[in-house]
Amino acid sequence: MSGQLTIMLPNSISADEVAAIAQTLKETQSVSSVKERQPDVTRGVDPATLKTWFEVAIGVAGFVSAALPLIKKIVAMIRTKGILGAKIKLPSGAEISVDNATSEEIEKIVEAIQKK
């Protein structure tokens, strides 16, 4: 089973930061593909708020076991860069606010996917 995370980044992020995040994601072992998207047709997303997002496919048998360390890595990377307003959307539709989520909250959200 593969799963897909969507990483939504705010308008304040630079093109260099987008490229650095994309490269880091592509070099991550559990990631099978990374697609960068730009908002052309917004679906409930304000284009002034959202500049770009990534669709990250995890192509391993255990999505949950691969997703948890990946999500924590993404959160740490975004926080280290000082990016505010980023979100991670899980296949279930649940969203994690990178600004506010604690490690414990992230674990609970990801574990809830496993129970479904």
PDB file of N, CA and C in Angstrom:
ATOM      1  N   MET A   1       0.843  -1.182   0.000  1.00  0.00           N
ATOM      2  CA  MET A   1       0.000   0.000   0.000  1.00  0.00           C
ATOM      3  C   MET A   1       0.878   1.230   0.000  1.00  0.00           C
ATOM      4  N   SER A   2       0.608   2.161  -0.881  1.00  0.00           N
ATOM      5  CA  SER A   2       1.336   3.416  -0.841  1.00  0.00           C
ATOM      6  C   SER A   2       0.388   4.504  -0.378  1.00  0.00           C
ATOM      7  N   GLY A   3       0.951   5.569   0.115  1.00  0.00           N
ATOM      8  CA  GLY A   3       0.153   6.682   0.579  1.00  0.00           C
ATOM      9  C   GLY A   3       0.755   7.973   0.083  1.00  0.00           C
ATOM     10  N   GLN A   4      -0.012   9.028   0.212  1.00  0.00           N
ATOM     11  CA  GLN A   4       0.479  10.306  -0.264  1.00  0.00           C
ATOM     12  C   GLN A   4       0.254  11.376   0.784  1.00  0.00           C
ATOM     13  N   LEU A   5       1.299  12.128   1.070  1.00  0.00           N
ATOM     14  CA  LEU A   5       1.226  13.295   1.937  1.00  0.00           C
ATOM     15  C   LEU A   5       1.228  14.522   1.047  1.00  0.00           C
ATOM     16  N   THR A   6       0.561  15.566   1.464  1.00  0.00           N
ATOM     17  CA  THR A   6       0.632  16.839   0.759  1.00  0.00           C
ATOM     18  C   THR A   6       1.211  17.852   1.738  1.00  0.00           C
ATOM     19  N   ILE A   7       2.297  18.486   1.332  1.00  0.00           N
ATOM     20  CA  ILE A   7       2.941  19.503   2.157  1.00  0.00           C
ATOM     21  C   ILE A   7       2.583  20.849   1.547  1.00  0.00           C
ATOM     22  N   MET A   8       1.847  21.658   2.292  1.00  0.00           N
ATOM     23  CA  MET A   8       1.397  22.955   1.797  1.00  0.00           C
ATOM     24  C   MET A   8       2.255  24.045   2.423  1.00  0.00           C
ATOM     25  N   LEU A   9       2.844  24.878   1.581  1.00  0.00           N
ATOM     26  CA  LEU A   9       3.770  25.905   2.036  1.00  0.00           C
ATOM     27  C   LEU A   9       3.185  27.297   1.807  1.00  0.00           C
ATOM     28  N   PRO A  10       3.496  28.252   2.676  1.00  0.00           N
ATOM     29  CA  PRO A  10       2.940  29.601   2.560  1.00  0.00           C
ATOM     30  C   PRO A  10       3.610  30.415   1.456  1.00  0.00           C
ATOM     31  N   ASN A  11       2.984  31.514   1.126  1.00  0.00           N
ATOM     32  CA  ASN A  11       3.471  32.414   0.084  1.00  0.00           C
ATOM     33  C   ASN A  11       4.815  33.046   0.432  1.00  0.00           C
ATOM     34  N   SER A  12       5.155  33.114   1.693  1.00  0.00           N
ATOM     35  CA  SER A  12       6.379  33.785   2.133  1.00  0.00           C
ATOM     36  C   SER A  12       7.654  32.998   1.836  1.00  0.00           C
ATOM     37  N   ILE A  13       7.537  31.780   1.389  1.00  0.00           N
ATOM     38  CA  ILE A  13       8.703  30.931   1.155  1.00  0.00           C
ATOM     39  C   ILE A  13       9.382  31.305  -0.171  1.00  0.00           C
ATOM     40  N   SER A  14      10.706  31.300  -0.169  1.00  0.00           N
ATOM     41  CA  SER A  14      11.454  31.658  -1.375  1.00  0.00           C
ATOM     42  C   SER A  14      11.607  30.452  -2.303  1.00  0.00           C
ATOM     43  N   ALA A  15      11.936  30.741  -3.550  1.00  0.00           N
ATOM     44  CA  ALA A  15      12.149  29.672  -4.531  1.00  0.00           C
ATOM     45  C   ALA A  15      13.313  28.778  -4.113  1.00  0.00           C
ATOM     46  N   ASP A  16      14.348  29.363  -3.493  1.00  0.00           N
ATOM     47  CA  ASP A  16      15.489  28.572  -3.018  1.00  0.00           C
ATOM     48  C   ASP A  16      15.069  27.609  -1.915  1.00  0.00           C
ATOM     49  N   GLU A  17      14.185  28.064  -1.021  1.00  0.00           N
ATOM     50  CA  GLU A  17      13.700  27.193   0.050  1.00  0.00           C
ATOM     51  C   GLU A  17      12.852  26.063  -0.518  1.00  0.00           C
ATOM     52  N   VAL A  18      12.032  26.374  -1.504  1.00  0.00           N
ATOM     53  CA  VAL A  18      11.220  25.344  -2.162  1.00  0.00           C
ATOM     54  C   VAL A  18      12.124  24.285  -2.780  1.00  0.00           C
ATOM     55  N   ALA A  19      13.163  24.735  -3.476  1.00  0.00           N
ATOM     56  CA  ALA A  19      14.097  23.805  -4.123  1.00  0.00           C
ATOM     57  C   ALA A  19      14.824  22.949  -3.091  1.00  0.00           C
ATOM     58  N   ALA A  20      15.223  23.545  -1.974  1.00  0.00           N
ATOM     59  CA  ALA A  20      15.932  22.798  -0.923  1.00  0.00           C
ATOM     60  C   ALA A  20      15.027  21.745  -0.289  1.00  0.00           C
ATOM     61  N   ILE A  21      13.784  22.102  -0.041  1.00  0.00           N
ATOM     62  CA  ILE A  21      12.829  21.148   0.539  1.00  0.00           C
ATOM     63  C   ILE A  21      12.583  20.007  -0.449  1.00  0.00           C
ATOM     64  N   ALA A  22      12.389  20.341  -1.720  1.00  0.00           N
ATOM     65  CA  ALA A  22      12.160  19.313  -2.742  1.00  0.00           C
ATOM     66  C   ALA A  22      13.336  18.354  -2.814  1.00  0.00           C
ATOM     67  N   GLN A  23      14.553  18.877  -2.783  1.00  0.00           N
ATOM     68  CA  GLN A  23      15.741  18.032  -2.871  1.00  0.00           C
ATOM     69  C   GLN A  23      15.837  17.105  -1.659  1.00  0.00           C
ATOM     70  N   THR A  24      15.585  17.641  -0.479  1.00  0.00           N
ATOM     71  CA  THR A  24      15.627  16.818   0.734  1.00  0.00           C
ATOM     72  C   THR A  24      14.598  15.694   0.658  1.00  0.00           C
ATOM     73  N   LEU A  25      13.396  16.007   0.191  1.00  0.00           N
ATOM     74  CA  LEU A  25      12.355  14.991   0.072  1.00  0.00           C
ATOM     75  C   LEU A  25      12.751  13.911  -0.931  1.00  0.00           C
ATOM     76  N   LYS A  26      13.326  14.313  -2.052  1.00  0.00           N
ATOM     77  CA  LYS A  26      13.727  13.353  -3.081  1.00  0.00           C
ATOM     78  C   LYS A  26      14.838  12.421  -2.602  1.00  0.00           C
ATOM     79  N   GLU A  27      15.645  12.893  -1.659  1.00  0.00           N
ATOM     80  CA  GLU A  27      16.750  12.089  -1.139  1.00  0.00           C
ATOM     81  C   GLU A  27      16.333  11.188   0.019  1.00  0.00           C
ATOM     82  N   THR A  28      15.094  11.290   0.459  1.00  0.00           N
ATOM     83  CA  THR A  28      14.600  10.493   1.576  1.00  0.00           C
ATOM     84  C   THR A  28      14.216   9.103   1.084  1.00  0.00           C
ATOM     85  N   GLN A  29      14.727   8.091   1.750  1.00  0.00           N
ATOM     86  CA  GLN A  29      14.594   6.704   1.296  1.00  0.00           C
ATOM     87  C   GLN A  29      13.149   6.242   1.140  1.00  0.00           C
ATOM     88  N   SER A  30      12.258   6.579   2.064  1.00  0.00           N
ATOM     89  CA  SER A  30      10.885   6.065   2.006  1.00  0.00           C
ATOM     90  C   SER A  30      10.012   6.786   0.981  1.00  0.00           C
ATOM     91  N   VAL A  31      10.515   7.865   0.396  1.00  0.00           N
ATOM     92  CA  VAL A  31       9.739   8.636  -0.574  1.00  0.00           C
ATOM     93  C   VAL A  31       9.936   8.056  -1.970  1.00  0.00           C
ATOM     94  N   SER A  32       8.835   7.695  -2.620  1.00  0.00           N
ATOM     95  CA  SER A  32       8.940   7.134  -3.968  1.00  0.00           C
ATOM     96  C   SER A  32       8.784   8.198  -5.051  1.00  0.00           C
ATOM     97  N   SER A  33       8.103   9.303  -4.752  1.00  0.00           N
ATOM     98  CA  SER A  33       8.025  10.396  -5.723  1.00  0.00           C
ATOM     99  C   SER A  33       7.665  11.700  -5.029  1.00  0.00           C
ATOM    100  N   VAL A  34       8.111  12.800  -5.636  1.00  0.00           N
ATOM    101  CA  VAL A  34       7.814  14.145  -5.137  1.00  0.00           C
ATOM    102  C   VAL A  34       7.361  14.969  -6.328  1.00  0.00           C
ATOM    103  N   LYS A  35       6.173  15.539  -6.226  1.00  0.00           N
ATOM    104  CA  LYS A  35       5.659  16.396  -7.293  1.00  0.00           C
ATOM    105  C   LYS A  35       5.405  17.776  -6.717  1.00  0.00           C
ATOM    106  N   GLU A  36       6.034  18.777  -7.298  1.00  0.00           N
ATOM    107  CA  GLU A  36       5.799  20.149  -6.874  1.00  0.00           C
ATOM    108  C   GLU A  36       4.615  20.696  -7.656  1.00  0.00           C
ATOM    109  N   ARG A  37       3.736  21.377  -6.961  1.00  0.00           N
ATOM    110  CA  ARG A  37       2.543  21.954  -7.583  1.00  0.00           C
ATOM    111  C   ARG A  37       2.489  23.449  -7.288  1.00  0.00           C
ATOM    112  N   GLN A  38       1.940  24.183  -8.214  1.00  0.00           N
ATOM    113  CA  GLN A  38       1.695  25.609  -8.045  1.00  0.00           C
ATOM    114  C   GLN A  38       0.188  25.828  -8.142  1.00  0.00           C
ATOM    115  N   PRO A  39      -0.339  26.755  -7.370  1.00  0.00           N
ATOM    116  CA  PRO A  39      -1.793  26.978  -7.435  1.00  0.00           C
ATOM    117  C   PRO A  39      -2.196  27.694  -8.720  1.00  0.00           C
ATOM    118  N   ASP A  40      -2.896  26.973  -9.592  1.00  0.00           N
ATOM    119  CA  ASP A  40      -3.452  27.615 -10.767  1.00  0.00           C
ATOM    120  C   ASP A  40      -4.971  27.674 -10.632  1.00  0.00           C
ATOM    121  N   VAL A  41      -5.543  26.589 -10.197  1.00  0.00           N
ATOM    122  CA  VAL A  41      -6.962  26.550  -9.888  1.00  0.00           C
ATOM    123  C   VAL A  41      -7.057  26.241  -8.403  1.00  0.00           C
ATOM    124  N   THR A  42      -7.579  27.165  -7.662  1.00  0.00           N
ATOM    125  CA  THR A  42      -7.652  26.951  -6.220  1.00  0.00           C
ATOM    126  C   THR A  42      -8.919  26.204  -5.867  1.00  0.00           C
ATOM    127  N   ARG A  43      -8.757  25.290  -4.973  1.00  0.00           N
ATOM    128  CA  ARG A  43      -9.893  24.498  -4.484  1.00  0.00           C
ATOM    129  C   ARG A  43     -10.026  24.764  -2.999  1.00  0.00           C
ATOM    130  N   GLY A  44     -10.594  25.899  -2.674  1.00  0.00           N
ATOM    131  CA  GLY A  44     -10.768  26.250  -1.275  1.00  0.00           C
ATOM    132  C   GLY A  44      -9.496  26.751  -0.626  1.00  0.00           C
ATOM    133  N   VAL A  45      -8.491  27.103  -1.438  1.00  0.00           N
ATOM    134  CA  VAL A  45      -7.239  27.599  -0.890  1.00  0.00           C
ATOM    135  C   VAL A  45      -6.996  28.991  -1.456  1.00  0.00           C
ATOM    136  N   ASP A  46      -6.727  29.929  -0.580  1.00  0.00           N
ATOM    137  CA  ASP A  46      -6.451  31.298  -0.974  1.00  0.00           C
ATOM    138  C   ASP A  46      -5.087  31.372  -1.648  1.00  0.00           C
ATOM    139  N   PRO A  47      -4.998  31.779  -2.926  1.00  0.00           N
ATOM    140  CA  PRO A  47      -3.710  31.807  -3.626  1.00  0.00           C
ATOM    141  C   PRO A  47      -2.714  32.779  -3.015  1.00  0.00           C
ATOM    142  N   ALA A  48      -3.184  33.783  -2.293  1.00  0.00           N
ATOM    143  CA  ALA A  48      -2.264  34.701  -1.626  1.00  0.00           C
ATOM    144  C   ALA A  48      -1.590  34.030  -0.434  1.00  0.00           C
ATOM    145  N   THR A  49      -2.231  33.025   0.116  1.00  0.00           N
ATOM    146  CA  THR A  49      -1.698  32.312   1.272  1.00  0.00           C
ATOM    147  C   THR A  49      -0.809  31.153   0.859  1.00  0.00           C
ATOM    148  N   LEU A  50      -1.161  30.486  -0.214  1.00  0.00           N
ATOM    149  CA  LEU A  50      -0.463  29.274  -0.636  1.00  0.00           C
ATOM    150  C   LEU A  50       0.354  29.548  -1.892  1.00  0.00           C
ATOM    151  N   LYS A  51       1.651  29.322  -1.806  1.00  0.00           N
ATOM    152  CA  LYS A  51       2.506  29.533  -2.961  1.00  0.00           C
ATOM    153  C   LYS A  51       2.742  28.221  -3.699  1.00  0.00           C
ATOM    154  N   THR A  52       3.075  27.199  -2.958  1.00  0.00           N
ATOM    155  CA  THR A  52       3.408  25.922  -3.589  1.00  0.00           C
ATOM    156  C   THR A  52       3.101  24.797  -2.615  1.00  0.00           C
ATOM    157  N   TRP A  53       3.002  23.600  -3.148  1.00  0.00           N
ATOM    158  CA  TRP A  53       2.862  22.437  -2.289  1.00  0.00           C
ATOM    159  C   TRP A  53       3.503  21.258  -2.977  1.00  0.00           C
ATOM    160  N   PHE A  54       3.781  20.243  -2.177  1.00  0.00           N
ATOM    161  CA  PHE A  54       4.386  19.021  -2.696  1.00  0.00           C
ATOM    162  C   PHE A  54       3.445  17.870  -2.439  1.00  0.00           C
ATOM    163  N   GLU A  55       3.339  16.994  -3.410  1.00  0.00           N
ATOM    164  CA  GLU A  55       2.661  15.727  -3.210  1.00  0.00           C
ATOM    165  C   GLU A  55       3.766  14.693  -3.071  1.00  0.00           C
ATOM    166  N   VAL A  56       3.817  14.062  -1.910  1.00  0.00           N
ATOM    167  CA  VAL A  56       4.896  13.131  -1.585  1.00  0.00           C
ATOM    168  C   VAL A  56       4.319  11.734  -1.456  1.00  0.00           C
ATOM    169  N   ALA A  57       4.710  10.851  -2.354  1.00  0.00           N
ATOM    170  CA  ALA A  57       4.223   9.470  -2.324  1.00  0.00           C
ATOM    171  C   ALA A  57       5.197   8.610  -1.537  1.00  0.00           C
ATOM    172  N   ILE A  58       4.644   7.836  -0.632  1.00  0.00           N
ATOM    173  CA  ILE A  58       5.441   6.900   0.157  1.00  0.00           C
ATOM    174  C   ILE A  58       5.134   5.516  -0.393  1.00  0.00           C
ATOM    175  N   GLY A  59       6.123   4.902  -0.990  1.00  0.00           N
ATOM    176  CA  GLY A  59       5.898   3.638  -1.684  1.00  0.00           C
ATOM    177  C   GLY A  59       6.428   2.440  -0.932  1.00  0.00           C
ATOM    178  N   VAL A  60       6.068   2.306   0.307  1.00  0.00           N
ATOM    179  CA  VAL A  60       6.484   1.147   1.093  1.00  0.00           C
ATOM    180  C   VAL A  60       5.249   0.457   1.639  1.00  0.00           C
ATOM    181  N   ALA A  61       5.430  -0.763   2.062  1.00  0.00           N
ATOM    182  CA  ALA A  61       4.292  -1.559   2.525  1.00  0.00           C
ATOM    183  C   ALA A  61       3.571  -0.931   3.714  1.00  0.00           C
ATOM    184  N   GLY A  62       4.302  -0.414   4.666  1.00  0.00           N
ATOM    185  CA  GLY A  62       3.674   0.140   5.859  1.00  0.00           C
ATOM    186  C   GLY A  62       3.679   1.654   5.842  1.00  0.00           C
ATOM    187  N   PHE A  63       2.600   2.240   5.328  1.00  0.00           N
ATOM    188  CA  PHE A  63       2.537   3.692   5.236  1.00  0.00           C
ATOM    189  C   PHE A  63       2.766   4.344   6.588  1.00  0.00           C
ATOM    190  N   VAL A  64       2.084   3.855   7.604  1.00  0.00           N
ATOM    191  CA  VAL A  64       2.165   4.476   8.917  1.00  0.00           C
ATOM    192  C   VAL A  64       3.581   4.414   9.472  1.00  0.00           C
ATOM    193  N   SER A  65       4.230   3.265   9.355  1.00  0.00           N
ATOM    194  CA  SER A  65       5.583   3.140   9.903  1.00  0.00           C
ATOM    195  C   SER A  65       6.567   4.032   9.156  1.00  0.00           C
ATOM    196  N   ALA A  66       6.338   4.272   7.869  1.00  0.00           N
ATOM    197  CA  ALA A  66       7.213   5.162   7.097  1.00  0.00           C
ATOM    198  C   ALA A  66       6.810   6.617   7.256  1.00  0.00           C
ATOM    199  N   ALA A  67       5.529   6.874   7.431  1.00  0.00           N
ATOM    200  CA  ALA A  67       5.032   8.250   7.486  1.00  0.00           C
ATOM    201  C   ALA A  67       5.465   8.984   8.740  1.00  0.00           C
ATOM    202  N   LEU A  68       5.439   8.321   9.876  1.00  0.00           N
ATOM    203  CA  LEU A  68       5.740   9.007  11.137  1.00  0.00           C
ATOM    204  C   LEU A  68       7.139   9.618  11.138  1.00  0.00           C
ATOM    205  N   PRO A  69       8.198   8.858  10.837  1.00  0.00           N
ATOM    206  CA  PRO A  69       9.518   9.500  10.810  1.00  0.00           C
ATOM    207  C   PRO A  69       9.637  10.546   9.709  1.00  0.00           C
ATOM    208  N   LEU A  70       8.980  10.331   8.574  1.00  0.00           N
ATOM    209  CA  LEU A  70       9.033  11.293   7.488  1.00  0.00           C
ATOM    210  C   LEU A  70       8.359  12.597   7.897  1.00  0.00           C
ATOM    211  N   ILE A  71       7.192  12.507   8.495  1.00  0.00           N
ATOM    212  CA  ILE A  71       6.478  13.709   8.935  1.00  0.00           C
ATOM    213  C   ILE A  71       7.300  14.474   9.959  1.00  0.00           C
ATOM    214  N   LYS A  72       7.890  13.755  10.906  1.00  0.00           N
ATOM    215  CA  LYS A  72       8.727  14.423  11.908  1.00  0.00           C
ATOM    216  C   LYS A  72       9.927  15.109  11.253  1.00  0.00           C
ATOM    217  N   LYS A  73      10.497  14.470  10.250  1.00  0.00           N
ATOM    218  CA  LYS A  73      11.634  15.058   9.521  1.00  0.00           C
ATOM    219  C   LYS A  73      11.192  16.326   8.790  1.00  0.00           C
ATOM    220  N   ILE A  74      10.037  16.269   8.142  1.00  0.00           N
ATOM    221  CA  ILE A  74       9.519  17.427   7.412  1.00  0.00           C
ATOM    222  C   ILE A  74       9.236  18.578   8.370  1.00  0.00           C
ATOM    223  N   VAL A  75       8.593  18.275   9.492  1.00  0.00           N
ATOM    224  CA  VAL A  75       8.282  19.305  10.490  1.00  0.00           C
ATOM    225  C   VAL A  75       9.570  19.961  10.986  1.00  0.00           C
ATOM    226  N   ALA A  76      10.564  19.151  11.334  1.00  0.00           N
ATOM    227  CA  ALA A  76      11.836  19.697  11.820  1.00  0.00           C
ATOM    228  C   ALA A  76      12.497  20.567  10.756  1.00  0.00           C
ATOM    229  N   MET A  77      12.490  20.111   9.512  1.00  0.00           N
ATOM    230  CA  MET A  77      13.111  20.857   8.422  1.00  0.00           C
ATOM    231  C   MET A  77      12.424  22.216   8.230  1.00  0.00           C
ATOM    232  N   ILE A  78      11.095  22.228   8.223  1.00  0.00           N
ATOM    233  CA  ILE A  78      10.348  23.461   8.015  1.00  0.00           C
ATOM    234  C   ILE A  78      10.533  24.409   9.196  1.00  0.00           C
ATOM    235  N   ARG A  79      10.499  23.874  10.401  1.00  0.00           N
ATOM    236  CA  ARG A  79      10.697  24.726  11.580  1.00  0.00           C
ATOM    237  C   ARG A  79      12.104  25.302  11.618  1.00  0.00           C
ATOM    238  N   THR A  80      13.111  24.492  11.246  1.00  0.00           N
ATOM    239  CA  THR A  80      14.493  24.965  11.223  1.00  0.00           C
ATOM    240  C   THR A  80      14.654  26.126  10.255  1.00  0.00           C
ATOM    241  N   LYS A  81      13.932  26.091   9.152  1.00  0.00           N
ATOM    242  CA  LYS A  81      14.008  27.162   8.157  1.00  0.00           C
ATOM    243  C   LYS A  81      13.190  28.384   8.575  1.00  0.00           C
ATOM    244  N   GLY A  82      12.439  28.269   9.666  1.00  0.00           N
ATOM    245  CA  GLY A  82      11.643  29.393  10.151  1.00  0.00           C
ATOM    246  C   GLY A  82      10.415  29.692   9.307  1.00  0.00           C
ATOM    247  N   ILE A  83       9.925  28.694   8.585  1.00  0.00           N
ATOM    248  CA  ILE A  83       8.749  28.867   7.730  1.00  0.00           C
ATOM    249  C   ILE A  83       7.493  28.739   8.590  1.00  0.00           C
ATOM    250  N   LEU A  84       6.635  29.747   8.519  1.00  0.00           N
ATOM    251  CA  LEU A  84       5.392  29.729   9.282  1.00  0.00           C
ATOM    252  C   LEU A  84       4.204  29.540   8.350  1.00  0.00           C
ATOM    253  N   GLY A  85       3.196  28.819   8.813  1.00  0.00           N
ATOM    254  CA  GLY A  85       1.977  28.619   8.043  1.00  0.00           C
ATOM    255  C   GLY A  85       1.954  27.365   7.189  1.00  0.00           C
ATOM    256  N   ALA A  86       2.958  26.506   7.321  1.00  0.00           N
ATOM    257  CA  ALA A  86       2.986  25.264   6.548  1.00  0.00           C
ATOM    258  C   ALA A  86       2.060  24.228   7.177  1.00  0.00           C
ATOM    259  N   LYS A  87       1.519  23.361   6.332  1.00  0.00           N
ATOM    260  CA  LYS A  87       0.638  22.282   6.794  1.00  0.00           C
ATOM    261  C   LYS A  87       0.986  21.005   6.054  1.00  0.00           C
ATOM    262  N   ILE A  88       0.718  19.888   6.706  1.00  0.00           N
ATOM    263  CA  ILE A  88       0.877  18.579   6.076  1.00  0.00           C
ATOM    264  C   ILE A  88      -0.489  17.914   6.088  1.00  0.00           C
ATOM    265  N   LYS A  89      -0.944  17.507   4.905  1.00  0.00           N
ATOM    266  CA  LYS A  89      -2.234  16.832   4.788  1.00  0.00           C
ATOM    267  C   LYS A  89      -1.989  15.351   4.559  1.00  0.00           C
ATOM    268  N   LEU A  90      -2.635  14.532   5.362  1.00  0.00           N
ATOM    269  CA  LEU A  90      -2.494  13.081   5.284  1.00  0.00           C
ATOM    270  C   LEU A  90      -3.538  12.493   4.342  1.00  0.00           C
ATOM    271  N   PRO A  91      -3.338  11.253   3.898  1.00  0.00           N
ATOM    272  CA  PRO A  91      -4.304  10.623   2.986  1.00  0.00           C
ATOM    273  C   PRO A  91      -5.723  10.575   3.541  1.00  0.00           C
ATOM    274  N   SER A  92      -5.854  10.565   4.862  1.00  0.00           N
ATOM    275  CA  SER A  92      -7.172  10.509   5.497  1.00  0.00           C
ATOM    276  C   SER A  92      -7.897  11.842   5.424  1.00  0.00           C
ATOM    277  N   GLY A  93      -7.159  12.899   5.056  1.00  0.00           N
ATOM    278  CA  GLY A  93      -7.735  14.235   5.030  1.00  0.00           C
ATOM    279  C   GLY A  93      -7.349  15.051   6.253  1.00  0.00           C
ATOM    280  N   ALA A  94      -6.797  14.400   7.269  1.00  0.00           N
ATOM    281  CA  ALA A  94      -6.348  15.113   8.466  1.00  0.00           C
ATOM    282  C   ALA A  94      -5.191  16.037   8.109  1.00  0.00           C
ATOM    283  N   GLU A  95      -5.170  17.210   8.727  1.00  0.00           N
ATOM    284  CA  GLU A  95      -4.097  18.163   8.495  1.00  0.00           C
ATOM    285  C   GLU A  95      -3.311  18.397   9.773  1.00  0.00           C
ATOM    286  N   ILE A  96      -2.011  18.535   9.608  1.00  0.00           N
ATOM    287  CA  ILE A  96      -1.116  18.824  10.726  1.00  0.00           C
ATOM    288  C   ILE A  96      -0.548  20.211  10.498  1.00  0.00           C
ATOM    289  N   SER A  97      -0.754  21.098  11.463  1.00  0.00           N
ATOM    290  CA  SER A  97      -0.171  22.427  11.402  1.00  0.00           C
ATOM    291  C   SER A  97       1.271  22.328  11.877  1.00  0.00           C
ATOM    292  N   VAL A  98       2.205  22.621  10.987  1.00  0.00           N
ATOM    293  CA  VAL A  98       3.623  22.506  11.334  1.00  0.00           C
ATOM    294  C   VAL A  98       3.989  23.490  12.446  1.00  0.00           C
ATOM    295  N   ASP A  99       3.321  24.634  12.484  1.00  0.00           N
ATOM    296  CA  ASP A  99       3.613  25.644  13.499  1.00  0.00           C
ATOM    297  C   ASP A  99       3.282  25.167  14.909  1.00  0.00           C
ATOM    298  N   ASN A 100       2.214  24.393  15.045  1.00  0.00           N
ATOM    299  CA  ASN A 100       1.663  24.106  16.368  1.00  0.00           C
ATOM    300  C   ASN A 100       1.767  22.667  16.853  1.00  0.00           C
ATOM    301  N   ALA A 101       1.876  21.715  15.976  1.00  0.00           N
ATOM    302  CA  ALA A 101       1.793  20.304  16.361  1.00  0.00           C
ATOM    303  C   ALA A 101       3.008  19.847  17.159  1.00  0.00           C
ATOM    304  N   THR A 102       2.727  19.160  18.246  1.00  0.00           N
ATOM    305  CA  THR A 102       3.803  18.559  19.037  1.00  0.00           C
ATOM    306  C   THR A 102       4.073  17.161  18.489  1.00  0.00           C
ATOM    307  N   SER A 103       5.193  16.584  18.881  1.00  0.00           N
ATOM    308  CA  SER A 103       5.515  15.212  18.451  1.00  0.00           C
ATOM    309  C   SER A 103       4.431  14.237  18.871  1.00  0.00           C
ATOM    310  N   GLU A 104       3.903  14.426  20.077  1.00  0.00           N
ATOM    311  CA  GLU A 104       2.866  13.528  20.593  1.00  0.00           C
ATOM    312  C   GLU A 104       1.592  13.639  19.754  1.00  0.00           C
ATOM    313  N   GLU A 105       1.216  14.863  19.369  1.00  0.00           N
ATOM    314  CA  GLU A 105       0.022  15.056  18.547  1.00  0.00           C
ATOM    315  C   GLU A 105       0.200  14.430  17.169  1.00  0.00           C
ATOM    316  N   ILE A 106       1.381  14.581  16.602  1.00  0.00           N
ATOM    317  CA  ILE A 106       1.658  13.976  15.293  1.00  0.00           C
ATOM    318  C   ILE A 106       1.532  12.463  15.378  1.00  0.00           C
ATOM    319  N   GLU A 107       2.094  11.870  16.422  1.00  0.00           N
ATOM    320  CA  GLU A 107       2.006  10.415  16.606  1.00  0.00           C
ATOM    321  C   GLU A 107       0.565   9.962  16.725  1.00  0.00           C
ATOM    322  N   LYS A 108      -0.249  10.690  17.488  1.00  0.00           N
ATOM    323  CA  LYS A 108      -1.659  10.322  17.654  1.00  0.00           C
ATOM    324  C   LYS A 108      -2.413  10.381  16.338  1.00  0.00           C
ATOM    325  N   ILE A 109      -2.151  11.418  15.538  1.00  0.00           N
ATOM    326  CA  ILE A 109      -2.835  11.562  14.256  1.00  0.00           C
ATOM    327  C   ILE A 109      -2.453  10.423  13.315  1.00  0.00           C
ATOM    328  N   VAL A 110      -1.162  10.124  13.236  1.00  0.00           N
ATOM    329  CA  VAL A 110      -0.699   9.059  12.340  1.00  0.00           C
ATOM    330  C   VAL A 110      -1.187   7.705  12.823  1.00  0.00           C
ATOM    331  N   GLU A 111      -1.182   7.469  14.126  1.00  0.00           N
ATOM    332  CA  GLU A 111      -1.677   6.189  14.662  1.00  0.00           C
ATOM    333  C   GLU A 111      -3.172   6.018  14.405  1.00  0.00           C
ATOM    334  N   ALA A 112      -3.916   7.113  14.400  1.00  0.00           N
ATOM    335  CA  ALA A 112      -5.352   7.033  14.126  1.00  0.00           C
ATOM    336  C   ALA A 112      -5.602   6.525  12.715  1.00  0.00           C
ATOM    337  N   ILE A 113      -4.708   6.861  11.778  1.00  0.00           N
ATOM    338  CA  ILE A 113      -4.826   6.355  10.405  1.00  0.00           C
ATOM    339  C   ILE A 113      -4.680   4.832  10.397  1.00  0.00           C
ATOM    340  N   GLN A 114      -3.727   4.356  11.176  1.00  0.00           N
ATOM    341  CA  GLN A 114      -3.445   2.922  11.223  1.00  0.00           C
ATOM    342  C   GLN A 114      -4.663   2.141  11.731  1.00  0.00           C
ATOM    343  N   LYS A 115      -5.429   2.718  12.651  1.00  0.00           N
ATOM    344  CA  LYS A 115      -6.566   2.028  13.246  1.00  0.00           C
ATOM    345  C   LYS A 115      -7.753   1.950  12.311  1.00  0.00           C
ATOM    346  N   LYS A 116      -7.766   2.787  11.262  1.00  0.00           N
ATOM    347  CA  LYS A 116      -8.917   2.786  10.329  1.00  0.00           C
ATOM    348  C   LYS A 116      -8.883   1.614   9.412  1.00  0.00           C
TER     349      LYS A 116
END
